[in-house]
C-alpha atoms as a PDB file:
ATOM      1  CA  MET A   1     -20.583  21.635  -8.729  1.00  0.00           C
ATOM      2  CA  ARG A   2     -17.600  21.035 -10.954  1.00  0.00           C
ATOM      3  CA  LEU A   3     -14.742  18.667 -10.120  1.00  0.00           C
ATOM      4  CA  GLN A   4     -11.111  19.056 -11.145  1.00  0.00           C
ATOM      5  CA  VAL A   5      -8.254  16.625 -10.460  1.00  0.00           C
ATOM      6  CA  LEU A   6      -4.931  18.161  -9.350  1.00  0.00           C
ATOM      7  CA  VAL A   7      -2.108  15.781 -10.248  1.00  0.00           C
ATOM      8  CA  SER A   8       1.452  15.978  -8.901  1.00  0.00           C
ATOM      9  CA  SER A   9       3.936  14.022 -11.000  1.00  0.00           C
ATOM     10  CA  VAL A  10       7.663  13.672 -11.630  1.00  0.00           C
ATOM     11  CA  GLN A  11       9.256  12.899 -15.005  1.00  0.00           C
ATOM     12  CA  GLU A  12       5.964  11.814 -16.583  1.00  0.00           C
ATOM     13  CA  ASN A  13       4.618  11.945 -20.125  1.00  0.00           C
ATOM     14  CA  VAL A  14       1.700  14.280 -19.454  1.00  0.00           C
ATOM     15  CA  ILE A  15      -0.147  13.171 -22.601  1.00  0.00           C
ATOM     16  CA  THR A  16      -0.375   9.516 -21.609  1.00  0.00           C
ATOM     17  CA  LEU A  17      -0.654  10.107 -17.853  1.00  0.00           C
ATOM     18  CA  ALA A  18      -4.331  11.117 -18.024  1.00  0.00           C
ATOM     19  CA  GLU A  19      -5.118   7.813 -19.742  1.00  0.00           C
ATOM     20  CA  HIS A  20      -3.111   5.756 -17.232  1.00  0.00           C
ATOM     21  CA  MET A  21      -4.958   7.438 -14.351  1.00  0.00           C
ATOM     22  CA  ASN A  22      -8.359   6.967 -16.032  1.00  0.00           C
ATOM     23  CA  LEU A  23      -9.162  10.666 -15.714  1.00  0.00           C
ATOM     24  CA  SER A  24     -12.656  11.532 -16.955  1.00  0.00           C
ATOM     25  CA  THR A  25     -12.911  15.074 -15.544  1.00  0.00           C
ATOM     26  CA  ASP A  26     -11.034  18.304 -16.045  1.00  0.00           C
ATOM     27  CA  ALA A  27      -7.525  18.109 -14.571  1.00  0.00           C
ATOM     28  CA  ILE A  28      -4.394  20.120 -13.917  1.00  0.00           C
ATOM     29  CA  ILE A  29      -1.139  18.163 -14.116  1.00  0.00           C
ATOM     30  CA  CYS A  30       1.978  19.710 -12.589  1.00  0.00           C
ATOM     31  CA  ASN A  31       4.974  17.712 -13.735  1.00  0.00           C
ATOM     32  CA  GLN A  32       8.451  18.251 -12.296  1.00  0.00           C
ATOM     33  CA  CYS A  33      11.083  17.522 -14.938  1.00  0.00           C
ATOM     34  CA  GLN A  34      13.898  19.261 -16.841  1.00  0.00           C
ATOM     35  CA  GLU A  35      11.854  21.809 -18.753  1.00  0.00           C
ATOM     36  CA  VAL A  36       9.376  24.643 -18.304  1.00  0.00           C
ATOM     37  CA  SER A  37       6.374  24.381 -20.610  1.00  0.00           C
ATOM     38  CA  TYR A  38       2.590  24.349 -20.897  1.00  0.00           C
ATOM     39  CA  LYS A  39       0.280  22.077 -22.879  1.00  0.00           C
ATOM     40  CA  GLU A  40      -3.443  21.550 -22.908  1.00  0.00           C
ATOM     41  CA  PHE A  41      -5.504  18.871 -24.586  1.00  0.00           C
ATOM     42  CA  VAL A  42      -8.956  17.345 -24.498  1.00  0.00           C
ATOM     43  CA  ARG A  43      -9.637  13.837 -23.229  1.00  0.00           C
ATOM     44  CA  GLY A  44     -13.232  12.884 -23.955  1.00  0.00           C
ATOM     45  CA  LYS A  45     -15.139  16.004 -22.926  1.00  0.00           C
ATOM     46  CA  SER A  46     -12.577  17.087 -20.345  1.00  0.00           C
ATOM     47  CA  LEU A  47      -9.806  19.672 -20.540  1.00  0.00           C
ATOM     48  CA  ILE A  48      -6.364  18.594 -19.304  1.00  0.00           C
ATOM     49  CA  ARG A  49      -3.972  21.449 -18.538  1.00  0.00           C
ATOM     50  CA  ALA A  50      -0.370  20.321 -18.103  1.00  0.00           C
ATOM     51  CA  TYR A  51       2.404  22.454 -16.602  1.00  0.00           C
ATOM     52  CA  SER A  52       6.031  21.346 -16.557  1.00  0.00           C
ATOM     53  CA  PHE A  53       8.501  22.858 -14.082  1.00  0.00           C
ATOM     54  CA  ASP A  54      12.238  22.446 -13.693  1.00  0.00           C
ATOM     55  CA  GLU A  55      12.121  22.164  -9.896  1.00  0.00           C
ATOM     56  CA  ARG A  56      11.626  19.641  -7.092  1.00  0.00           C
ATOM     57  CA  GLY A  57       9.459  19.303  -3.978  1.00  0.00           C
ATOM     58  CA  VAL A  58       6.028  17.711  -3.703  1.00  0.00           C
ATOM     59  CA  GLY A  59       4.598  20.542  -1.590  1.00  0.00           C
ATOM     60  CA  LEU A  60       5.662  23.078  -4.211  1.00  0.00           C
ATOM     61  CA  ASN A  61       4.169  20.883  -6.931  1.00  0.00           C
ATOM     62  CA  ARG A  62       0.821  20.551  -5.143  1.00  0.00           C
ATOM     63  CA  ASN A  63       0.694  24.293  -4.532  1.00  0.00           C
ATOM     64  CA  ASN A  64       1.328  24.982  -8.222  1.00  0.00           C
ATOM     65  CA  SER A  65      -1.803  23.043  -9.135  1.00  0.00           C
ATOM     66  CA  LEU A  66      -3.889  24.309  -6.209  1.00  0.00           C
ATOM     67  CA  MET A  67      -3.176  27.931  -7.106  1.00  0.00           C
ATOM     68  CA  ARG A  68      -4.379  27.288 -10.656  1.00  0.00           C
ATOM     69  CA  ALA A  69      -7.534  25.352  -9.718  1.00  0.00           C
ATOM     70  CA  ASP A  70     -10.706  26.957 -11.090  1.00  0.00           C
ATOM     71  CA  ALA A  71     -13.360  24.374 -10.169  1.00  0.00           C
ATOM     72  CA  ASP A  72     -15.616  24.133  -7.121  1.00  0.00           C
ATOM     73  CA  ILE A  73     -14.077  20.861  -5.920  1.00  0.00           C
ATOM     74  CA  ALA A  74     -10.453  19.740  -6.275  1.00  0.00           C
ATOM     75  CA  LEU A  75      -9.293  16.141  -5.915  1.00  0.00           C
ATOM     76  CA  ILE A  76      -5.647  15.955  -4.792  1.00  0.00           C
ATOM     77  CA  ALA A  77      -3.897  13.236  -6.814  1.00  0.00           C
ATOM     78  CA  ASP A  78      -0.583  11.489  -7.365  1.00  0.00           C
ATOM     79  CA  GLU A  79       0.691  10.131 -10.654  1.00  0.00           C
ATOM     80  CA  ASP A  80       0.308   6.489  -9.591  1.00  0.00           C
ATOM     81  CA  ILE A  81      -3.407   6.597  -8.704  1.00  0.00           C
ATOM     82  CA  VAL A  82      -5.928   4.915 -11.012  1.00  0.00           C
ATOM     83  CA  TYR A  83      -9.495   6.127 -10.557  1.00  0.00           C
ATOM     84  CA  THR A  84     -12.747   4.216 -10.868  1.00  0.00           C
ATOM     85  CA  ASP A  85     -14.955   4.965 -13.865  1.00  0.00           C
ATOM     86  CA  ASP A  86     -17.529   6.654 -11.622  1.00  0.00           C
ATOM     87  CA  TYR A  87     -15.230   8.663  -9.326  1.00  0.00           C
ATOM     88  CA  GLU A  88     -16.781  11.994 -10.344  1.00  0.00           C
ATOM     89  CA  GLU A  89     -20.306  10.823  -9.548  1.00  0.00           C
ATOM     90  CA  LYS A  90     -19.231   9.409  -6.169  1.00  0.00           C
ATOM     91  CA  ILE A  91     -17.359  12.542  -5.111  1.00  0.00           C
ATOM     92  CA  LEU A  92     -20.072  15.022  -6.071  1.00  0.00           C
ATOM     93  CA  ARG A  93     -22.730  12.865  -4.424  1.00  0.00           C
ATOM     94  CA  GLU A  94     -20.811  12.835  -1.131  1.00  0.00           C
ATOM     95  CA  PHE A  95     -20.423  16.612  -1.136  1.00  0.00           C
ATOM     96  CA  GLU A  96     -24.170  16.913  -1.690  1.00  0.00           C
ATOM     97  CA  ARG A  97     -24.702  14.611   1.306  1.00  0.00           C
ATOM     98  CA  ASN A  98     -22.233  16.639   3.394  1.00  0.00           C
ATOM     99  CA  PRO A  99     -23.005  20.273   2.545  1.00  0.00           C
ATOM    100  CA  ASP A 100     -21.065  21.618   5.558  1.00  0.00           C
ATOM    101  CA  ALA A 101     -17.870  19.734   4.647  1.00  0.00           C
ATOM    102  CA  ASP A 102     -14.841  21.692   3.478  1.00  0.00           C
ATOM    103  CA  ILE A 103     -12.784  18.533   2.901  1.00  0.00           C
ATOM    104  CA  LEU A 104     -13.803  14.907   2.375  1.00  0.00           C
ATOM    105  CA  MET A 105     -11.371  11.997   2.773  1.00  0.00           C
ATOM    106  CA  PHE A 106     -12.129   9.098   0.394  1.00  0.00           C
ATOM    107  CA  ASN A 107     -10.839   5.545   0.225  1.00  0.00           C
ATOM    108  CA  VAL A 108      -8.005   4.969  -2.244  1.00  0.00           C
ATOM    109  CA  THR A 109      -6.531   1.497  -1.940  1.00  0.00           C
ATOM    110  CA  ALA A 110      -2.750   1.672  -1.484  1.00  0.00           C
ATOM    111  CA  VAL A 111      -0.252  -1.120  -2.092  1.00  0.00           C
ATOM    112  CA  GLU A 112      -0.132  -3.248   1.047  1.00  0.00           C
ATOM    113  CA  GLU A 113       3.140  -2.001   2.512  1.00  0.00           C
ATOM    114  CA  ARG A 114       2.027   1.664   2.196  1.00  0.00           C
ATOM    115  CA  ARG A 115      -1.496   1.212   3.533  1.00  0.00           C
ATOM    116  CA  THR A 116      -2.193   3.506   6.495  1.00  0.00           C
ATOM    117  CA  TYR A 117      -5.961   3.873   6.613  1.00  0.00           C
ATOM    118  CA  GLU A 118      -9.365   2.581   5.520  1.00  0.00           C
ATOM    119  CA  ASN A 119     -12.610   4.469   6.048  1.00  0.00           C
ATOM    120  CA  VAL A 120     -15.224   2.010   7.270  1.00  0.00           C
ATOM    121  CA  VAL A 121     -17.782   4.522   8.591  1.00  0.00           C
ATOM    122  CA  HIS A 122     -18.666   8.145   7.994  1.00  0.00           C
ATOM    123  CA  LYS A 123     -17.053  10.258  10.715  1.00  0.00           C
ATOM    124  CA  ARG A 124     -15.557  13.627  11.561  1.00  0.00           C
ATOM    125  CA  VAL A 125     -11.789  13.945  11.241  1.00  0.00           C
ATOM    126  CA  ARG A 126     -10.278  15.542  14.352  1.00  0.00           C
ATOM    127  CA  TRP A 127      -6.862  16.573  15.651  1.00  0.00           C
ATOM    128  CA  TYR A 128      -6.208  13.112  17.145  1.00  0.00           C
ATOM    129  CA  ASN A 129      -6.856  11.047  13.995  1.00  0.00           C
ATOM    130  CA  TYR A 130      -5.912  13.205  10.993  1.00  0.00           C
ATOM    131  CA  GLY A 131      -2.272  12.050  10.755  1.00  0.00           C
ATOM    132  CA  ARG A 132      -2.944   8.804   8.891  1.00  0.00           C
ATOM    133  CA  TYR A 133      -4.501  10.219   5.732  1.00  0.00           C
ATOM    134  CA  PRO A 134      -2.431  10.614   2.547  1.00  0.00           C
ATOM    135  CA  ALA A 135      -2.862  13.632   0.321  1.00  0.00           C
ATOM    136  CA  TYR A 136      -4.343  11.537  -2.481  1.00  0.00           C
ATOM    137  CA  SER A 137      -7.390  10.735  -0.331  1.00  0.00           C
ATOM    138  CA  MET A 138      -8.361  14.428  -0.058  1.00  0.00           C
ATOM    139  CA  CYS A 139     -11.054  16.248  -1.963  1.00  0.00           C
ATOM    140  CA  VAL A 140     -11.378  19.926  -1.056  1.00  0.00           C
ATOM    141  CA  LYS A 141     -13.686  22.849  -1.664  1.00  0.00           C
ATOM    142  CA  VAL A 142     -11.363  25.262  -3.430  1.00  0.00           C
ATOM    143  CA  GLU A 143     -13.008  28.393  -2.037  1.00  0.00           C
ATOM    144  CA  SER A 144     -12.763  27.052   1.539  1.00  0.00           C
ATOM    145  CA  ILE A 145      -9.036  26.437   1.191  1.00  0.00           C
ATOM    146  CA  ARG A 146      -8.426  29.880  -0.266  1.00  0.00           C
ATOM    147  CA  ARG A 147     -10.458  31.646   2.393  1.00  0.00           C
ATOM    148  CA  ALA A 148      -8.456  29.807   5.063  1.00  0.00           C
ATOM    149  CA  ASN A 149      -5.195  30.620   3.203  1.00  0.00           C
ATOM    150  CA  VAL A 150      -3.896  27.069   3.609  1.00  0.00           C
ATOM    151  CA  TYR A 151      -1.227  25.577   1.335  1.00  0.00           C
ATOM    152  CA  PHE A 152       1.182  22.659   1.444  1.00  0.00           C
ATOM    153  CA  SER A 153       4.457  22.934   3.358  1.00  0.00           C
ATOM    154  CA  LEU A 154       7.658  23.331   1.338  1.00  0.00           C
ATOM    155  CA  LEU A 155       9.766  21.739   4.110  1.00  0.00           C
ATOM    156  CA  PHE A 156       8.240  18.257   4.077  1.00  0.00           C
ATOM    157  CA  GLY A 157       7.676  15.572   1.441  1.00  0.00           C
ATOM    158  CA  GLY A 158       9.568  14.094  -1.494  1.00  0.00           C
ATOM    159  CA  GLY A 159      12.217  16.492  -2.795  1.00  0.00           C
ATOM    160  CA  ALA A 160      12.118  18.650   0.354  1.00  0.00           C
ATOM    161  CA  ARG A 161      14.403  18.866   3.418  1.00  0.00           C
ATOM    162  CA  TYR A 162      12.375  16.443   5.531  1.00  0.00           C
ATOM    163  CA  SER A 163      11.096  13.124   4.269  1.00  0.00           C
ATOM    164  CA  ASN A 164       7.307  13.292   4.399  1.00  0.00           C
ATOM    165  CA  GLY A 165       4.361  14.824   6.201  1.00  0.00           C
ATOM    166  CA  GLU A 166       3.167  17.638   3.947  1.00  0.00           C
ATOM    167  CA  ASP A 167      -0.255  15.975   3.831  1.00  0.00           C
ATOM    168  CA  SER A 168      -0.593  15.804   7.643  1.00  0.00           C
ATOM    169  CA  LEU A 169       0.565  19.406   8.033  1.00  0.00           C
ATOM    170  CA  PHE A 170      -1.980  20.506   5.463  1.00  0.00           C
ATOM    171  CA  LEU A 171      -4.813  18.853   7.409  1.00  0.00           C
ATOM    172  CA  HIS A 172      -3.377  20.213  10.681  1.00  0.00           C
ATOM    173  CA  ASP A 173      -3.550  23.750   9.308  1.00  0.00           C
ATOM    174  CA  CYS A 174      -7.055  23.200   7.920  1.00  0.00           C
ATOM    175  CA  LEU A 175      -8.330  22.023  11.305  1.00  0.00           C
ATOM    176  CA  LYS A 176      -6.590  24.938  13.025  1.00  0.00           C
ATOM    177  CA  LYS A 177      -8.433  27.331  10.704  1.00  0.00           C
ATOM    178  CA  GLY A 178     -11.755  25.714  11.616  1.00  0.00           C
ATOM    179  CA  LEU A 179     -12.431  23.816   8.394  1.00  0.00           C
ATOM    180  CA  LYS A 180     -14.712  20.791   8.666  1.00  0.00           C
ATOM    181  CA  ILE A 181     -13.258  17.474   7.528  1.00  0.00           C
ATOM    182  CA  TYR A 182     -15.075  14.159   7.217  1.00  0.00           C
ATOM    183  CA  SER A 183     -13.987  10.675   6.158  1.00  0.00           C
ATOM    184  CA  VAL A 184     -16.401   8.690   4.011  1.00  0.00           C
ATOM    185  CA  PRO A 185     -16.361   4.925   3.274  1.00  0.00           C
ATOM    186  CA  VAL A 186     -16.401   5.440  -0.490  1.00  0.00           C
ATOM    187  CA  LEU A 187     -13.778   3.931  -2.797  1.00  0.00           C
ATOM    188  CA  ILE A 188     -12.685   6.114  -5.721  1.00  0.00           C
ATOM    189  CA  GLY A 189      -9.471   4.445  -6.892  1.00  0.00           C
ATOM    190  CA  HIS A 190      -6.337   2.450  -6.170  1.00  0.00           C
ATOM    191  CA  GLU A 191      -2.614   3.002  -6.104  1.00  0.00           C
ATOM    192  CA  ASN A 192      -0.736   1.422  -8.989  1.00  0.00           C
ATOM    193  CA  ARG A 193       2.551  -0.154  -7.901  1.00  0.00           C
ATOM    194  CA  ARG A 194       5.527   1.584  -9.480  1.00  0.00           C
ATOM    195  CA  GLU A 195       7.441  -0.574 -11.959  1.00  0.00           C
ATOM    196  CA  ASP A 196      10.771   0.054 -10.217  1.00  0.00           C
ATOM    197  CA  ASP A 197       9.064  -0.001  -6.780  1.00  0.00           C
ATOM    198  CA  SER A 198      10.810   3.301  -6.022  1.00  0.00           C
ATOM    199  CA  SER A 199       9.759   6.181  -3.817  1.00  0.00           C
ATOM    200  CA  THR A 200      10.759   9.814  -3.976  1.00  0.00           C
ATOM    201  CA  TRP A 201      11.207   9.913  -0.197  1.00  0.00           C
ATOM    202  CA  PHE A 202      11.034   6.489   1.488  1.00  0.00           C
ATOM    203  CA  LYS A 203      14.435   4.771   1.754  1.00  0.00           C
ATOM    204  CA  GLY A 204      13.612   2.442   4.624  1.00  0.00           C
ATOM    205  CA  TYR A 205      13.324   2.947   8.381  1.00  0.00           C
ATOM    206  CA  THR A 206      16.654   4.707   8.665  1.00  0.00           C
ATOM    207  CA  GLU A 207      17.985   7.188  11.206  1.00  0.00           C
ATOM    208  CA  LYS A 208      16.892  10.007   8.896  1.00  0.00           C
ATOM    209  CA  PHE A 209      13.352   8.562   8.776  1.00  0.00           C
ATOM    210  CA  PHE A 210      12.966   8.751  12.561  1.00  0.00           C
ATOM    211  CA  TYR A 211      14.759  12.106  12.874  1.00  0.00           C
ATOM    212  CA  ASP A 212      12.535  13.661  10.215  1.00  0.00           C
ATOM    213  CA  ARG A 213       9.447  12.169  11.855  1.00  0.00           C
ATOM    214  CA  GLY A 214      10.488  13.880  15.090  1.00  0.00           C
ATOM    215  CA  VAL A 215      10.663  17.249  13.321  1.00  0.00           C
ATOM    216  CA  LEU A 216       7.219  16.598  11.866  1.00  0.00           C
ATOM    217  CA  TYR A 217       5.690  15.655  15.229  1.00  0.00           C
ATOM    218  CA  HIS A 218       7.016  18.881  16.741  1.00  0.00           C
ATOM    219  CA  TYR A 219       4.891  20.853  14.286  1.00  0.00           C
ATOM    220  CA  LEU A 220       1.891  18.523  14.410  1.00  0.00           C
ATOM    221  CA  TYR A 221       1.446  17.897  18.116  1.00  0.00           C
ATOM    222  CA  GLY A 222       3.282  20.610  20.057  1.00  0.00           C
ATOM    223  CA  PRO A 223       3.298  19.809  23.813  1.00  0.00           C
ATOM    224  CA  MET A 224       1.970  16.300  23.074  1.00  0.00           C
ATOM    225  CA  GLN A 225       4.744  15.465  20.587  1.00  0.00           C
ATOM    226  CA  LYS A 226       6.628  12.971  22.780  1.00  0.00           C
ATOM    227  CA  ILE A 227       3.475  11.089  23.748  1.00  0.00           C
ATOM    228  CA  PHE A 228       2.395  10.780  20.131  1.00  0.00           C
ATOM    229  CA  ALA A 229       5.927   9.730  19.130  1.00  0.00           C
ATOM    230  CA  LEU A 230       5.892   6.851  21.633  1.00  0.00           C
ATOM    231  CA  ARG A 231       2.396   5.875  20.546  1.00  0.00           C
ATOM    232  CA  PHE A 232       3.536   5.844  16.919  1.00  0.00           C
ATOM    233  CA  LEU A 233       6.597   3.698  17.632  1.00  0.00           C
ATOM    234  CA  ILE A 234       4.831   1.193  19.882  1.00  0.00           C
ATOM    235  CA  LYS A 235       2.024   0.748  17.373  1.00  0.00           C
ATOM    236  CA  ASN A 236       4.453   0.163  14.488  1.00  0.00           C
ATOM    237  CA  ARG A 237       7.373  -1.466  16.308  1.00  0.00           C
ATOM    238  CA  ASP A 238       7.098  -4.837  14.514  1.00  0.00           C
ATOM    239  CA  THR A 239       7.440  -3.157  11.125  1.00  0.00           C
ATOM    240  CA  MET A 240       9.625  -0.128  11.779  1.00  0.00           C
ATOM    241  CA  CYS A 241      11.960  -1.174  14.564  1.00  0.00           C
ATOM    242  CA  ARG A 242      13.614  -4.248  13.094  1.00  0.00           C
ATOM    243  CA  GLN A 243      16.908  -2.526  12.246  1.00  0.00           C
ATOM    244  CA  ILE A 244      16.805   0.366  14.706  1.00  0.00           C
ATOM    245  CA  PRO A 245      15.483  -0.604  18.179  1.00  0.00           C
ATOM    246  CA  LEU A 246      12.488   1.259  19.565  1.00  0.00           C
ATOM    247  CA  LEU A 247      14.398   3.222  22.210  1.00  0.00           C
ATOM    248  CA  ARG A 248      17.023   4.324  19.686  1.00  0.00           C
ATOM    249  CA  ALA A 249      14.256   5.341  17.273  1.00  0.00           C
ATOM    250  CA  TYR A 250      12.615   7.343  20.062  1.00  0.00           C
ATOM    251  CA  ARG A 251      15.881   9.158  20.823  1.00  0.00           C
ATOM    252  CA  LEU A 252      16.246  10.031  17.132  1.00  0.00           C
ATOM    253  CA  MET A 253      12.711  11.414  17.078  1.00  0.00           C
ATOM    254  CA  LYS A 254      13.446  13.517  20.158  1.00  0.00           C
ATOM    255  CA  GLU A 255      16.583  14.875  18.462  1.00  0.00           C
ATOM    256  CA  GLY A 256      14.414  15.951  15.545  1.00  0.00           C
ATOM    257  CA  MET A 257      11.949  17.591  17.925  1.00  0.00           C
ATOM    258  CA  LYS A 258      14.722  19.651  19.524  1.00  0.00           C
ATOM    259  CA  LYS A 259      16.094  20.851  16.184  1.00  0.00           C
ATOM    260  CA  ALA A 260      12.673  21.877  14.812  1.00  0.00           C
END
């Protein structure tokens, strides 16, 4: 099996990015900036192919790399992830241990305020627990994804109409198509805090945050959307409902559900 890292970045120097991320395998970098160009270079024994596009939208960016993937296994990556020296060995070993898996979710340590998950045991990912995994934890069998005809949403995520959720929708569609997903307690990297501490989509727990989350839950949970919305708010009320009270946040989510 051959592994390839698919990197989504914005306004990056594609030459130095591979070094900053500690990439030791083949990779495709799709960089959104103010030009359209292509470069390729060798890092160690690995080929780095870098595409620059004058466009915005993280789903579009991920799809650009996924469509160009030519390896057996693709690791979905963001520009601010730094990988362990042995990430390739760990990933390929886990796919050998899980031959029926179409997607494996690995541990990537996020900065504390963005941390949403930690895999402590090996388990199957189902419809009721897939929503907490970020895209950069995913490693997919390329052929499985193509056979299922699953790609990232262009409506959700940084640079799109709605704030975030392209990763959850991707997993939702994979499960709907019958793909097998497992989480494994294996650490392959960590998130590097941005120097300006900025985010392409997160601007605080604003009215737009809750409205957009309502739109997302409509697509994710269908008839169960209101129950999952309340569960989400109650679980995170101490963090998310400091400025906007829980009931007001719930009404905003329901408004988003109606407009979806």
